[in-house]
């Protein structure tokens, strides 16, 4: 059962909006290689605001993702792509539909 998640809010630097969108799309194969990541969504709220939401069955899965290749790539390019450092929140999942 899905028990926990990650929500990351991202604010693109001016002129980097499409680069952020492409970066997020390119992360999908990395996430698909993570067996403990139950779901992963990269979303766009408006021209400059993006987000990532993922879910996991347990803390071990969440921790593995936080130490994985997507997180590494995200933080390696954070200063280049984002106005402020990514805001990583770790919610508990209260209910979900598989």
N, C-alpha and C. Protein backbone atom coordinates (compact mmCIF):
# COMPACT_ATOMS: atom_id res chain seq x y z
N UNK A 1 0.84 -1.19 0.00
CA UNK A 1 0.00 0.00 0.00
C UNK A 1 0.88 1.25 0.00
N UNK A 2 0.49 2.21 -0.79
CA UNK A 2 1.23 3.46 -0.86
C UNK A 2 1.10 4.21 0.46
N UNK A 3 2.23 4.52 1.06
CA UNK A 3 2.23 5.15 2.38
C UNK A 3 2.85 6.54 2.41
N UNK A 4 3.74 6.83 1.46
CA UNK A 4 4.44 8.10 1.54
C UNK A 4 4.74 8.63 0.15
N UNK A 5 5.09 9.90 0.10
CA UNK A 5 5.34 10.53 -1.18
C UNK A 5 6.42 11.59 -1.09
N UNK A 6 6.64 12.21 -2.22
CA UNK A 6 7.53 13.36 -2.33
C UNK A 6 6.81 14.36 -3.21
N UNK A 7 6.82 15.62 -2.80
CA UNK A 7 6.32 16.70 -3.63
C UNK A 7 7.42 17.74 -3.74
N UNK A 8 7.79 18.09 -4.96
CA UNK A 8 8.84 19.07 -5.21
C UNK A 8 8.24 20.20 -6.04
N UNK A 9 8.34 21.42 -5.54
CA UNK A 9 7.91 22.57 -6.32
C UNK A 9 9.13 23.22 -6.95
N UNK A 10 9.02 23.56 -8.23
CA UNK A 10 10.13 24.10 -9.00
C UNK A 10 9.71 25.39 -9.69
N UNK A 11 10.50 26.43 -9.55
CA UNK A 11 10.23 27.71 -10.20
C UNK A 11 11.36 27.97 -11.20
N UNK A 12 11.03 27.90 -12.49
CA UNK A 12 12.04 28.04 -13.54
C UNK A 12 12.60 29.46 -13.60
N UNK A 13 13.88 29.55 -13.88
CA UNK A 13 14.50 30.85 -14.15
C UNK A 13 13.91 31.40 -15.45
N UNK A 14 13.86 32.71 -15.57
CA UNK A 14 13.37 33.35 -16.78
C UNK A 14 14.19 32.86 -17.97
N UNK A 15 13.50 32.44 -19.01
CA UNK A 15 14.15 31.96 -20.21
C UNK A 15 14.52 30.48 -20.17
N UNK A 16 14.33 29.84 -19.02
CA UNK A 16 14.68 28.42 -18.87
C UNK A 16 13.45 27.51 -18.81
N UNK A 17 12.27 28.07 -19.02
CA UNK A 17 11.04 27.32 -18.84
C UNK A 17 10.97 26.05 -19.70
N UNK A 18 11.28 26.16 -20.96
CA UNK A 18 11.19 24.98 -21.84
C UNK A 18 12.32 23.99 -21.55
N UNK A 19 13.44 24.50 -21.10
CA UNK A 19 14.54 23.62 -20.71
C UNK A 19 14.15 22.79 -19.47
N UNK A 20 13.43 23.43 -18.53
CA UNK A 20 12.94 22.70 -17.36
C UNK A 20 11.94 21.63 -17.79
N UNK A 21 11.02 21.98 -18.67
CA UNK A 21 10.04 21.00 -19.15
C UNK A 21 10.75 19.82 -19.81
N UNK A 22 11.72 20.08 -20.64
CA UNK A 22 12.47 19.01 -21.32
C UNK A 22 13.25 18.17 -20.31
N UNK A 23 13.84 18.82 -19.33
CA UNK A 23 14.58 18.10 -18.29
C UNK A 23 13.66 17.14 -17.54
N UNK A 24 12.48 17.62 -17.15
CA UNK A 24 11.54 16.76 -16.42
C UNK A 24 11.10 15.58 -17.28
N UNK A 25 10.79 15.83 -18.52
CA UNK A 25 10.39 14.73 -19.42
C UNK A 25 11.52 13.71 -19.58
N UNK A 26 12.74 14.19 -19.62
CA UNK A 26 13.89 13.28 -19.81
C UNK A 26 14.16 12.42 -18.58
N UNK A 27 13.61 12.76 -17.44
CA UNK A 27 13.83 12.00 -16.21
C UNK A 27 13.00 10.72 -16.16
N UNK A 28 11.98 10.60 -16.98
CA UNK A 28 11.09 9.43 -16.92
C UNK A 28 11.82 8.09 -17.01
N UNK A 29 12.74 7.89 -17.94
CA UNK A 29 13.42 6.59 -17.99
C UNK A 29 14.20 6.28 -16.71
N UNK A 30 14.75 7.30 -16.07
CA UNK A 30 15.46 7.08 -14.81
C UNK A 30 14.51 6.58 -13.73
N UNK A 31 13.32 7.17 -13.67
CA UNK A 31 12.32 6.77 -12.67
C UNK A 31 11.77 5.39 -12.99
N UNK A 32 11.58 5.09 -14.26
CA UNK A 32 11.08 3.78 -14.64
C UNK A 32 12.02 2.66 -14.21
N UNK A 33 13.28 2.97 -14.00
CA UNK A 33 14.27 1.98 -13.55
C UNK A 33 14.28 1.81 -12.03
N UNK A 34 13.43 2.55 -11.33
CA UNK A 34 13.36 2.46 -9.87
C UNK A 34 12.18 1.57 -9.47
N UNK A 35 12.43 0.34 -9.08
CA UNK A 35 11.33 -0.58 -8.78
C UNK A 35 10.48 -0.15 -7.58
N UNK A 36 11.01 0.65 -6.68
CA UNK A 36 10.25 1.03 -5.49
C UNK A 36 9.43 2.31 -5.67
N UNK A 37 9.55 2.97 -6.82
CA UNK A 37 8.74 4.15 -7.09
C UNK A 37 7.42 3.69 -7.70
N UNK A 38 6.34 3.84 -6.93
CA UNK A 38 5.02 3.36 -7.35
C UNK A 38 4.45 4.25 -8.44
N UNK A 39 4.52 5.56 -8.24
CA UNK A 39 4.02 6.51 -9.24
C UNK A 39 4.92 7.73 -9.27
N UNK A 40 4.97 8.38 -10.42
CA UNK A 40 5.81 9.57 -10.59
C UNK A 40 5.14 10.47 -11.62
N UNK A 41 4.98 11.73 -11.25
CA UNK A 41 4.35 12.70 -12.14
C UNK A 41 5.22 13.95 -12.20
N UNK A 42 5.49 14.44 -13.39
CA UNK A 42 6.10 15.74 -13.59
C UNK A 42 4.99 16.61 -14.17
N UNK A 43 4.75 17.76 -13.54
CA UNK A 43 3.61 18.60 -13.94
C UNK A 43 4.04 20.05 -14.13
N UNK A 44 3.19 20.76 -14.86
CA UNK A 44 3.40 22.20 -15.08
C UNK A 44 2.13 22.91 -14.65
N UNK A 45 2.29 23.87 -13.74
CA UNK A 45 1.15 24.62 -13.24
C UNK A 45 0.88 25.88 -14.05
N UNK A 46 1.93 26.53 -14.47
CA UNK A 46 1.83 27.73 -15.31
C UNK A 46 3.15 27.86 -16.07
N UNK A 47 3.39 28.99 -16.70
CA UNK A 47 4.58 29.15 -17.55
C UNK A 47 5.88 28.85 -16.83
N UNK A 48 5.99 29.21 -15.55
CA UNK A 48 7.27 29.07 -14.84
C UNK A 48 7.24 28.11 -13.65
N UNK A 49 6.08 27.62 -13.27
CA UNK A 49 5.97 26.78 -12.08
C UNK A 49 5.73 25.33 -12.45
N UNK A 50 6.59 24.46 -11.97
CA UNK A 50 6.54 23.04 -12.25
C UNK A 50 6.50 22.28 -10.93
N UNK A 51 6.22 21.00 -11.02
CA UNK A 51 6.23 20.18 -9.83
C UNK A 51 6.50 18.73 -10.16
N UNK A 52 6.91 17.99 -9.14
CA UNK A 52 7.09 16.55 -9.24
C UNK A 52 6.36 15.95 -8.05
N UNK A 53 5.57 14.91 -8.31
CA UNK A 53 4.97 14.14 -7.22
C UNK A 53 5.23 12.68 -7.48
N UNK A 54 5.71 11.99 -6.45
CA UNK A 54 5.91 10.55 -6.55
C UNK A 54 5.39 9.89 -5.29
N UNK A 55 5.11 8.58 -5.40
CA UNK A 55 4.62 7.85 -4.24
C UNK A 55 5.38 6.53 -4.09
N UNK A 56 5.37 6.03 -2.86
CA UNK A 56 6.15 4.86 -2.49
C UNK A 56 5.39 4.04 -1.46
N UNK A 57 5.67 2.76 -1.42
CA UNK A 57 5.01 1.89 -0.45
C UNK A 57 5.60 2.01 0.95
N UNK A 58 6.83 2.52 1.03
CA UNK A 58 7.47 2.63 2.34
C UNK A 58 8.60 3.66 2.31
N UNK A 59 9.16 3.92 3.49
CA UNK A 59 10.24 4.91 3.61
C UNK A 59 11.49 4.47 2.84
N UNK A 60 11.74 3.18 2.81
CA UNK A 60 12.93 2.69 2.09
C UNK A 60 12.86 3.07 0.61
N UNK A 61 11.68 2.95 0.01
CA UNK A 61 11.51 3.34 -1.38
C UNK A 61 11.70 4.83 -1.58
N UNK A 62 11.11 5.60 -0.67
CA UNK A 62 11.26 7.06 -0.76
C UNK A 62 12.72 7.45 -0.61
N UNK A 63 13.41 6.88 0.36
CA UNK A 63 14.82 7.21 0.57
C UNK A 63 15.68 6.80 -0.61
N UNK A 64 15.37 5.66 -1.21
CA UNK A 64 16.12 5.23 -2.39
C UNK A 64 15.96 6.24 -3.53
N UNK A 65 14.74 6.74 -3.71
CA UNK A 65 14.49 7.73 -4.76
C UNK A 65 15.23 9.04 -4.46
N UNK A 66 15.19 9.47 -3.21
CA UNK A 66 15.87 10.71 -2.82
C UNK A 66 17.38 10.63 -3.01
N UNK A 67 17.91 9.43 -3.02
CA UNK A 67 19.35 9.24 -3.22
C UNK A 67 19.67 8.76 -4.64
N UNK A 68 18.65 8.74 -5.50
CA UNK A 68 18.80 8.20 -6.84
C UNK A 68 19.26 9.20 -7.88
N UNK A 69 19.22 8.76 -9.11
CA UNK A 69 19.75 9.53 -10.24
C UNK A 69 18.93 10.77 -10.57
N UNK A 70 17.61 10.69 -10.39
CA UNK A 70 16.78 11.87 -10.69
C UNK A 70 17.10 13.01 -9.72
N UNK A 71 17.14 12.69 -8.43
CA UNK A 71 17.47 13.71 -7.42
C UNK A 71 18.86 14.28 -7.67
N UNK A 72 19.79 13.42 -7.99
CA UNK A 72 21.16 13.85 -8.28
C UNK A 72 21.18 14.83 -9.45
N UNK A 73 20.49 14.49 -10.53
CA UNK A 73 20.45 15.35 -11.71
C UNK A 73 19.73 16.67 -11.41
N UNK A 74 18.64 16.57 -10.66
CA UNK A 74 17.87 17.77 -10.32
C UNK A 74 18.71 18.77 -9.55
N UNK A 75 19.40 18.31 -8.53
CA UNK A 75 20.19 19.23 -7.72
C UNK A 75 21.48 19.66 -8.41
N UNK A 76 22.00 18.85 -9.32
CA UNK A 76 23.19 19.24 -10.08
C UNK A 76 22.89 20.43 -11.00
N UNK A 77 21.64 20.52 -11.46
CA UNK A 77 21.28 21.60 -12.40
C UNK A 77 20.42 22.68 -11.76
N UNK A 78 20.21 22.59 -10.46
CA UNK A 78 19.29 23.52 -9.77
C UNK A 78 19.67 24.98 -9.96
N UNK A 79 20.92 25.33 -9.76
CA UNK A 79 21.33 26.74 -9.87
C UNK A 79 21.14 27.27 -11.28
N UNK A 80 21.33 26.41 -12.26
CA UNK A 80 21.19 26.80 -13.67
C UNK A 80 19.72 26.98 -14.07
N UNK A 81 18.84 26.09 -13.61
CA UNK A 81 17.47 26.04 -14.10
C UNK A 81 16.43 26.76 -13.25
N UNK A 82 16.67 26.90 -11.94
CA UNK A 82 15.61 27.34 -11.04
C UNK A 82 15.93 28.65 -10.32
N UNK A 83 14.88 29.43 -10.09
CA UNK A 83 15.00 30.70 -9.37
C UNK A 83 15.45 30.49 -7.93
N UNK A 84 14.92 29.47 -7.30
CA UNK A 84 15.26 29.12 -5.91
C UNK A 84 15.52 27.62 -5.86
N UNK A 85 16.24 27.14 -4.86
CA UNK A 85 16.46 25.70 -4.76
C UNK A 85 15.12 24.95 -4.71
N UNK A 86 15.08 23.75 -5.28
CA UNK A 86 13.85 22.95 -5.24
C UNK A 86 13.37 22.75 -3.81
N UNK A 87 12.08 22.90 -3.61
CA UNK A 87 11.45 22.69 -2.30
C UNK A 87 10.95 21.25 -2.25
N UNK A 88 11.62 20.42 -1.45
CA UNK A 88 11.29 19.00 -1.36
C UNK A 88 10.49 18.76 -0.09
N UNK A 89 9.25 18.32 -0.27
CA UNK A 89 8.39 17.99 0.87
C UNK A 89 8.11 16.50 0.85
N UNK A 90 7.93 15.92 2.03
CA UNK A 90 7.76 14.48 2.15
C UNK A 90 6.45 14.15 2.87
N UNK A 91 5.32 14.19 2.14
CA UNK A 91 4.03 13.94 2.77
C UNK A 91 3.77 12.47 3.05
N UNK A 92 2.91 12.24 4.03
CA UNK A 92 2.35 10.92 4.26
C UNK A 92 1.13 10.80 3.35
N UNK A 93 0.93 9.64 2.75
CA UNK A 93 -0.25 9.41 1.90
C UNK A 93 -1.36 8.88 2.80
N UNK A 94 -2.47 9.61 2.85
CA UNK A 94 -3.61 9.22 3.68
C UNK A 94 -4.54 8.25 2.98
N UNK A 95 -4.67 8.38 1.66
CA UNK A 95 -5.53 7.50 0.90
C UNK A 95 -5.06 7.54 -0.55
N UNK A 96 -5.22 6.44 -1.25
CA UNK A 96 -4.85 6.40 -2.66
C UNK A 96 -5.68 5.35 -3.39
N UNK A 97 -5.71 5.47 -4.68
CA UNK A 97 -6.39 4.49 -5.53
C UNK A 97 -5.32 3.87 -6.41
N UNK A 98 -5.12 2.57 -6.32
CA UNK A 98 -4.07 1.93 -7.13
C UNK A 98 -4.41 1.93 -8.61
